[in-house]
Amino acid sequence: MKKVTVKMLDKLDACEEDVSLFIMYFGKEAEVTLENCLICAKLGLDLDWFARRVLSSPAWAKYMESIAPASAKYDEATALARAEYYEAKAQAWAKYEEAMAPARYKALTEGKE
C-alpha cells in the first residue's frame, strides 16, 4: 500500500474524529511513510486498527510479530501502574457495594408483602 485516502478511511468506517484529524494534517490522502506513521502516532490515530483492516492474514501476522518487542516493553513499563489501577478499582467497587447494601436491603424488604 502506497497511499491512504479519506475515501479508504470512510469505506473502513473510521470514526469521524480520526478522519477529521487525518484531513487536517494530510488533506485527502497521504503516502505511507515512516514520517507519516510517526505523525499519526503523535496524533493518537490507531495504526493497529487501520493495519487490522487493510492487511491480509499473513501480513497481519508479520505485523504483529514486528510490533511484539515494542508491545512487550510497553506491557512491562505499565505493569505496576495497571496493577495499582485494578487494585484501586476493586477497592472502590467494594466500597460502592457496601454503601449500596442498605438501600438494596430496604428496597427488598419493604417490597415484600
C-alpha atoms as a PDB file:
ATOM      1  CA  MET A   1       0.000   0.000   0.000  1.00  0.00           C
ATOM      2  CA  LYS A   2       1.443   3.312  -1.026  1.00  0.00           C
ATOM      3  CA  LYS A   3      -1.276   5.759  -0.002  1.00  0.00           C
ATOM      4  CA  VAL A   4      -4.080   6.164   2.495  1.00  0.00           C
ATOM      5  CA  THR A   5      -7.074   8.190   1.353  1.00  0.00           C
ATOM      6  CA  VAL A   6     -10.093   9.692   3.049  1.00  0.00           C
ATOM      7  CA  LYS A   7     -12.246   7.560   0.754  1.00  0.00           C
ATOM      8  CA  MET A   8     -10.454   4.452   2.044  1.00  0.00           C
ATOM      9  CA  LEU A   9     -10.950   5.511   5.674  1.00  0.00           C
ATOM     10  CA  ASP A  10     -14.646   6.122   5.019  1.00  0.00           C
ATOM     11  CA  LYS A  11     -15.025   2.657   3.460  1.00  0.00           C
ATOM     12  CA  LEU A  12     -13.346   1.173   6.540  1.00  0.00           C
ATOM     13  CA  ASP A  13     -15.826   3.043   8.791  1.00  0.00           C
ATOM     14  CA  ALA A  14     -13.108   5.017  10.536  1.00  0.00           C
ATOM     15  CA  CYS A  15     -14.518   7.262  13.233  1.00  0.00           C
ATOM     16  CA  GLU A  16     -15.399  10.806  12.242  1.00  0.00           C
ATOM     17  CA  GLU A  17     -12.931  12.346  14.692  1.00  0.00           C
ATOM     18  CA  ASP A  18      -9.993  10.377  13.277  1.00  0.00           C
ATOM     19  CA  VAL A  19     -10.971  11.141   9.684  1.00  0.00           C
ATOM     20  CA  SER A  20     -11.153  14.835  10.573  1.00  0.00           C
ATOM     21  CA  LEU A  21      -7.674  14.681  12.125  1.00  0.00           C
ATOM     22  CA  PHE A  22      -6.360  12.891   9.054  1.00  0.00           C
ATOM     23  CA  ILE A  23      -7.818  15.585   6.767  1.00  0.00           C
ATOM     24  CA  MET A  24      -6.472  18.384   8.947  1.00  0.00           C
ATOM     25  CA  TYR A  25      -2.903  17.040   8.786  1.00  0.00           C
ATOM     26  CA  PHE A  26      -2.776  15.302   5.416  1.00  0.00           C
ATOM     27  CA  GLY A  27      -5.623  16.540   3.258  1.00  0.00           C
ATOM     28  CA  LYS A  28      -7.416  13.927   1.135  1.00  0.00           C
ATOM     29  CA  GLU A  29      -4.545  11.452   1.019  1.00  0.00           C
ATOM     30  CA  ALA A  30      -1.160  10.627   2.482  1.00  0.00           C
ATOM     31  CA  GLU A  31       1.722   8.465   1.409  1.00  0.00           C
ATOM     32  CA  VAL A  32       2.587   5.610   3.721  1.00  0.00           C
ATOM     33  CA  THR A  33       5.971   6.692   5.079  1.00  0.00           C
ATOM     34  CA  LEU A  34       7.709   6.307   8.404  1.00  0.00           C
ATOM     35  CA  GLU A  35       7.408  10.052   8.940  1.00  0.00           C
ATOM     36  CA  ASN A  36       3.637   9.962   8.342  1.00  0.00           C
ATOM     37  CA  CYS A  37       3.252   6.934  10.637  1.00  0.00           C
ATOM     38  CA  LEU A  38       5.066   8.878  13.359  1.00  0.00           C
ATOM     39  CA  ILE A  39       2.728  11.837  12.809  1.00  0.00           C
ATOM     40  CA  CYS A  40      -0.289   9.527  13.067  1.00  0.00           C
ATOM     41  CA  ALA A  41       1.083   8.070  16.298  1.00  0.00           C
ATOM     42  CA  LYS A  42       1.576  11.547  17.789  1.00  0.00           C
ATOM     43  CA  LEU A  43      -1.980  12.458  16.776  1.00  0.00           C
ATOM     44  CA  GLY A  44      -3.295   9.362  18.522  1.00  0.00           C
ATOM     45  CA  LEU A  45      -4.595   7.735  15.353  1.00  0.00           C
ATOM     46  CA  ASP A  46      -4.932   3.992  15.856  1.00  0.00           C
ATOM     47  CA  LEU A  47      -2.499   2.416  13.424  1.00  0.00           C
ATOM     48  CA  ASP A  48      -3.247  -1.071  14.760  1.00  0.00           C
ATOM     49  CA  TRP A  49      -6.936  -0.570  13.912  1.00  0.00           C
ATOM     50  CA  PHE A  50      -6.005   0.506  10.401  1.00  0.00           C
ATOM     51  CA  ALA A  51      -3.499  -2.304   9.877  1.00  0.00           C
ATOM     52  CA  ARG A  52      -6.005  -4.925  11.038  1.00  0.00           C
ATOM     53  CA  ARG A  53      -8.475  -3.778   8.400  1.00  0.00           C
ATOM     54  CA  VAL A  54      -6.149  -3.459   5.430  1.00  0.00           C
ATOM     55  CA  LEU A  55      -3.603  -6.244   5.847  1.00  0.00           C
ATOM     56  CA  SER A  56      -4.118  -9.825   4.707  1.00  0.00           C
ATOM     57  CA  SER A  57      -3.932 -12.519   7.380  1.00  0.00           C
ATOM     58  CA  PRO A  58      -0.289 -13.371   6.611  1.00  0.00           C
ATOM     59  CA  ALA A  59       0.656  -9.679   6.527  1.00  0.00           C
ATOM     60  CA  TRP A  60      -1.204  -9.105   9.820  1.00  0.00           C
ATOM     61  CA  ALA A  61       0.738 -11.973  11.422  1.00  0.00           C
ATOM     62  CA  LYS A  62       4.027 -10.404  10.269  1.00  0.00           C
ATOM     63  CA  TYR A  63       2.846  -7.014  11.540  1.00  0.00           C
ATOM     64  CA  MET A  64       2.052  -8.463  14.965  1.00  0.00           C
ATOM     65  CA  GLU A  65       5.419 -10.218  15.032  1.00  0.00           C
ATOM     66  CA  SER A  66       7.216  -6.984  14.179  1.00  0.00           C
ATOM     67  CA  ILE A  67       5.489  -4.950  16.915  1.00  0.00           C
ATOM     68  CA  ALA A  68       5.785  -7.672  19.570  1.00  0.00           C
ATOM     69  CA  PRO A  69       9.064  -6.395  21.102  1.00  0.00           C
ATOM     70  CA  ALA A  70       7.702  -2.846  21.480  1.00  0.00           C
ATOM     71  CA  SER A  71       4.413  -4.187  22.867  1.00  0.00           C
ATOM     72  CA  ALA A  72       6.294  -6.278  25.413  1.00  0.00           C
ATOM     73  CA  LYS A  73       8.315  -3.249  26.544  1.00  0.00           C
ATOM     74  CA  TYR A  74       5.105  -1.233  26.906  1.00  0.00           C
ATOM     75  CA  ASP A  75       3.445  -4.009  28.919  1.00  0.00           C
ATOM     76  CA  GLU A  76       6.499  -4.240  31.170  1.00  0.00           C
ATOM     77  CA  ALA A  77       6.641  -0.472  31.665  1.00  0.00           C
ATOM     78  CA  THR A  78       2.954  -0.191  32.541  1.00  0.00           C
ATOM     79  CA  ALA A  79       2.538  -3.369  34.602  1.00  0.00           C
ATOM     80  CA  LEU A  80       2.864  -1.681  38.002  1.00  0.00           C
ATOM     81  CA  ALA A  81       0.506   1.159  37.100  1.00  0.00           C
ATOM     82  CA  ARG A  82      -2.016  -1.329  35.711  1.00  0.00           C
ATOM     83  CA  ALA A  83      -1.873  -3.430  38.882  1.00  0.00           C
ATOM     84  CA  GLU A  84      -2.345  -0.343  41.061  1.00  0.00           C
ATOM     85  CA  TYR A  85      -5.287   0.768  38.912  1.00  0.00           C
ATOM     86  CA  TYR A  86      -7.069  -2.586  39.225  1.00  0.00           C
ATOM     87  CA  GLU A  87      -6.444  -2.667  42.980  1.00  0.00           C
ATOM     88  CA  ALA A  88      -7.874   0.854  43.404  1.00  0.00           C
ATOM     89  CA  LYS A  89     -10.834  -0.050  41.205  1.00  0.00           C
ATOM     90  CA  ALA A  90     -11.522  -3.195  43.253  1.00  0.00           C
ATOM     91  CA  GLN A  91     -11.401  -1.205  46.493  1.00  0.00           C
ATOM     92  CA  ALA A  92     -13.741   1.452  45.089  1.00  0.00           C
ATOM     93  CA  TRP A  93     -16.163  -1.230  43.890  1.00  0.00           C
ATOM     94  CA  ALA A  94     -16.168  -2.892  47.303  1.00  0.00           C
ATOM     95  CA  LYS A  95     -16.961   0.461  48.981  1.00  0.00           C
ATOM     96  CA  TYR A  96     -19.730   1.079  46.456  1.00  0.00           C
ATOM     97  CA  GLU A  97     -21.295  -2.324  47.097  1.00  0.00           C
ATOM     98  CA  GLU A  98     -21.069  -1.752  50.849  1.00  0.00           C
ATOM     99  CA  ALA A  99     -22.740   1.652  50.513  1.00  0.00           C
ATOM    100  CA  MET A 100     -25.484   0.222  48.292  1.00  0.00           C
ATOM    101  CA  ALA A 101     -26.301  -2.718  50.570  1.00  0.00           C
ATOM    102  CA  PRO A 102     -28.591  -0.818  52.985  1.00  0.00           C
ATOM    103  CA  ALA A 103     -30.612   0.701  50.147  1.00  0.00           C
ATOM    104  CA  ARG A 104     -30.936  -2.679  48.460  1.00  0.00           C
ATOM    105  CA  TYR A 105     -31.945  -4.309  51.732  1.00  0.00           C
ATOM    106  CA  LYS A 106     -34.572  -1.645  52.342  1.00  0.00           C
ATOM    107  CA  ALA A 107     -35.989  -1.928  48.840  1.00  0.00           C
ATOM    108  CA  LEU A 108     -36.120  -5.714  49.019  1.00  0.00           C
ATOM    109  CA  THR A 109     -37.652  -5.964  52.491  1.00  0.00           C
ATOM    110  CA  GLU A 110     -40.186  -3.164  52.111  1.00  0.00           C
ATOM    111  CA  GLY A 111     -41.332  -4.580  48.822  1.00  0.00           C
ATOM    112  CA  LYS A 112     -42.356  -7.916  50.404  1.00  0.00           C
ATOM    113  CA  GLU A 113     -45.976  -8.104  51.329  1.00  0.00           C
END
